[in-house]
Amino acid sequence: MRAGLVLLLTIMVAVTQVSVAPLFPVAAATFDFALAALAILMVFVGPRSVMYALPLTAVFLGFATDRSPALLLLGYLPLLPAAAILDDLRVPINRYVLVIAVGVATGLFVRLLLGLAAVAHGAAFPLGAVAWQLLLPGMLLDFALLTILYFPLRLVGWEPQSMTLRRGGFAT
């Protein structure tokens, strides 16, 4: 049941990213619904579901946006290890700060990686324009979208889950 819901969520995220996100641009940045869905899924369902959703999201989003799925997978991949590292360090932060920090940092990494891929294909990369028109507005959009999604789910009563996975050996 959970696998079917994760599959449906990834398809909906890819369709939303293609159809809704371009309607609300800020400078050169748009909302990153895939990042927001993965971050919220990570916090409220747990990291194991994101391990399945992340490759599916990269494939569906890559096909829907005509980008390389492998490049998108590399872009969104730091989301889980960064959250796990922050959780293992026992930094005294709540889950909202964790999802904002990890989500905004991953969004910055994704946009920078896609910008570098565009440079590899021959696009210009003026640092000032990229910073002020893509990276900074993208960080603000990620912050706003993650906040808009996080607080209603907390008000409904969903509890954040732990980022730790069960430790085991070869037999688990």
Protein backbone atom coordinates (compact mmCIF):
# COMPACT_ATOMS: atom_id res chain seq x y z
CA MET A 1 0.00 0.00 0.00
CA ARG A 2 2.77 2.42 0.96
CA ALA A 3 4.71 1.62 -2.22
CA GLY A 4 1.67 2.45 -4.33
CA LEU A 5 1.19 5.75 -2.54
CA VAL A 6 4.87 6.62 -3.01
CA LEU A 7 4.58 5.81 -6.72
CA LEU A 8 1.45 7.96 -7.02
CA LEU A 9 3.15 10.79 -5.14
CA THR A 10 6.17 10.74 -7.45
CA ILE A 11 3.98 10.85 -10.55
CA MET A 12 1.94 13.72 -9.10
CA VAL A 13 5.12 15.61 -8.18
CA ALA A 14 6.50 15.28 -11.71
CA VAL A 15 3.24 16.48 -13.25
CA THR A 16 2.98 19.36 -10.77
CA GLN A 17 6.57 20.41 -11.41
CA VAL A 18 5.90 20.62 -15.14
CA SER A 19 2.44 22.17 -15.03
CA VAL A 20 2.24 24.39 -11.92
CA ALA A 21 5.80 25.47 -11.08
CA PRO A 22 6.40 27.46 -14.30
CA LEU A 23 3.33 29.59 -13.54
CA PHE A 24 5.00 31.18 -10.48
CA PRO A 25 8.59 32.12 -11.38
CA VAL A 26 10.65 34.42 -9.21
CA ALA A 27 13.45 35.80 -11.37
CA ALA A 28 14.83 32.64 -13.00
CA ALA A 29 13.82 30.23 -10.22
CA THR A 30 10.63 28.23 -9.78
CA PHE A 31 9.25 26.14 -6.95
CA ASP A 32 10.91 22.75 -6.63
CA PHE A 33 7.97 20.51 -5.77
CA ALA A 34 10.08 17.37 -6.05
CA LEU A 35 12.47 18.57 -3.37
CA ALA A 36 9.62 19.65 -1.12
CA ALA A 37 7.80 16.34 -1.50
CA LEU A 38 10.95 14.34 -0.76
CA ALA A 39 11.81 16.47 2.28
CA ILE A 40 8.29 16.30 3.72
CA LEU A 41 8.11 12.57 3.02
CA MET A 42 11.45 12.15 4.78
CA VAL A 43 10.30 13.99 7.89
CA PHE A 44 6.78 12.61 8.25
CA VAL A 45 7.07 9.08 6.83
CA GLY A 46 10.73 8.29 7.35
CA PRO A 47 13.91 7.83 5.37
CA ARG A 48 13.10 4.35 4.08
CA SER A 49 10.22 5.63 1.92
CA VAL A 50 12.44 8.36 0.50
CA MET A 51 14.99 5.71 -0.51
CA TYR A 52 12.34 4.35 -2.86
CA ALA A 53 10.82 7.68 -3.85
CA LEU A 54 14.04 9.48 -4.74
CA PRO A 55 15.02 7.36 -7.78
CA LEU A 56 11.41 7.25 -8.96
CA THR A 57 11.12 11.01 -8.65
CA ALA A 58 14.37 11.50 -10.55
CA VAL A 59 13.20 9.24 -13.38
CA PHE A 60 9.68 10.68 -13.67
CA LEU A 61 10.87 14.27 -13.29
CA GLY A 62 13.69 13.70 -15.76
CA PHE A 63 11.30 12.39 -18.39
CA ALA A 64 8.71 15.11 -17.72
CA THR A 65 11.18 18.02 -17.79
CA ASP A 66 13.53 16.63 -20.45
CA ARG A 67 16.47 16.61 -18.06
CA SER A 68 18.84 13.79 -17.32
CA PRO A 69 17.37 11.50 -14.63
CA ALA A 70 20.90 10.65 -13.50
CA LEU A 71 21.70 14.33 -13.02
CA LEU A 72 18.51 14.84 -11.02
CA LEU A 73 19.29 11.77 -8.94
CA LEU A 74 22.74 13.17 -8.16
CA GLY A 75 21.18 16.51 -7.31
CA TYR A 76 18.58 15.20 -4.85
CA LEU A 77 20.81 12.50 -3.37
CA PRO A 78 22.40 14.63 -0.58
CA LEU A 79 18.98 15.08 1.05
CA LEU A 80 19.02 11.83 3.03
CA PRO A 81 22.68 11.71 4.12
CA ALA A 82 22.61 15.35 5.21
CA ALA A 83 19.51 14.76 7.33
CA ALA A 84 20.99 11.58 8.79
CA ILE A 85 24.26 13.32 9.63
CA LEU A 86 22.45 16.19 11.33
CA ASP A 87 20.33 13.69 13.24
CA ASP A 88 23.35 11.59 14.28
CA LEU A 89 25.30 14.64 15.47
CA ARG A 90 22.57 15.23 18.04
CA VAL A 91 22.46 18.91 17.17
CA PRO A 92 19.72 20.45 19.34
CA ILE A 93 17.35 21.42 16.53
CA ASN A 94 13.76 20.45 15.93
CA ARG A 95 12.45 18.74 12.80
CA TYR A 96 11.30 21.98 11.21
CA VAL A 97 14.79 23.46 11.32
CA LEU A 98 16.19 20.15 10.06
CA VAL A 99 13.84 20.02 7.07
CA ILE A 100 14.49 23.69 6.24
CA ALA A 101 18.28 23.39 6.53
CA VAL A 102 18.53 20.17 4.57
CA GLY A 103 15.87 21.17 2.04
CA VAL A 104 17.32 24.59 1.27
CA ALA A 105 20.88 23.21 1.06
CA THR A 106 19.77 20.41 -1.27
CA GLY A 107 17.80 22.87 -3.39
CA LEU A 108 20.86 25.07 -3.69
CA PHE A 109 22.93 22.04 -4.71
CA VAL A 110 20.35 20.93 -7.31
CA ARG A 111 20.14 24.36 -8.91
CA LEU A 112 23.92 24.73 -8.95
CA LEU A 113 24.33 21.27 -10.47
CA LEU A 114 21.74 21.98 -13.18
CA GLY A 115 23.45 25.30 -13.88
CA LEU A 116 26.81 23.59 -14.27
CA ALA A 117 25.22 21.03 -16.58
CA ALA A 118 23.88 23.89 -18.70
CA VAL A 119 27.40 25.32 -18.85
CA ALA A 120 28.68 21.95 -20.00
CA HIS A 121 26.21 22.18 -22.88
CA GLY A 122 27.42 25.65 -23.86
CA ALA A 123 25.34 28.11 -21.83
CA ALA A 124 26.84 31.23 -20.29
CA PHE A 125 27.35 31.21 -16.51
CA PRO A 126 27.66 34.78 -15.18
CA LEU A 127 28.13 34.31 -11.44
CA GLY A 128 26.30 37.48 -10.41
CA ALA A 129 23.23 36.71 -12.47
CA VAL A 130 23.17 33.08 -11.36
CA ALA A 131 23.48 34.05 -7.70
CA TRP A 132 20.87 36.84 -7.76
CA GLN A 133 18.40 35.39 -10.27
CA LEU A 134 18.59 31.65 -9.65
CA LEU A 135 20.23 30.61 -6.39
CA LEU A 136 18.94 33.23 -3.94
CA PRO A 137 15.32 33.24 -5.22
CA GLY A 138 15.45 29.44 -5.34
CA MET A 139 16.49 29.30 -1.69
CA LEU A 140 13.65 31.65 -0.75
CA LEU A 141 11.13 29.61 -2.75
CA ASP A 142 12.33 26.37 -1.14
CA PHE A 143 12.05 27.94 2.32
CA ALA A 144 8.53 29.21 1.60
CA LEU A 145 7.28 25.95 0.09
CA LEU A 146 8.72 23.78 2.85
CA THR A 147 7.20 26.06 5.48
CA ILE A 148 3.81 26.06 3.74
CA LEU A 149 3.83 22.26 3.60
CA TYR A 150 5.30 21.55 7.05
CA PHE A 151 3.06 23.54 9.37
CA PRO A 152 -0.36 22.38 8.11
CA LEU A 153 0.78 18.77 8.42
CA ARG A 154 1.89 19.44 12.00
CA LEU A 155 -1.40 21.17 12.77
CA VAL A 156 -3.31 18.16 11.45
CA GLY A 157 -1.42 16.04 13.95
CA TRP A 158 1.25 14.26 11.94
CA GLU A 159 4.31 13.60 14.05
CA PRO A 160 7.84 13.82 12.61
CA GLN A 161 9.62 10.48 12.38
CA SER A 162 13.16 9.60 13.36
CA MET A 163 15.86 9.77 10.70
CA THR A 164 17.65 6.68 11.98
CA LEU A 165 17.41 3.35 10.24
CA ARG A 166 17.64 0.01 11.93
CA ARG A 167 21.27 -1.02 12.14
CA GLY A 168 22.13 -4.54 11.16
CA GLY A 169 24.52 -6.88 9.49
CA PHE A 170 24.30 -8.97 6.39
CA ALA A 171 21.29 -11.01 7.51
CA THR A 172 18.84 -8.12 7.92
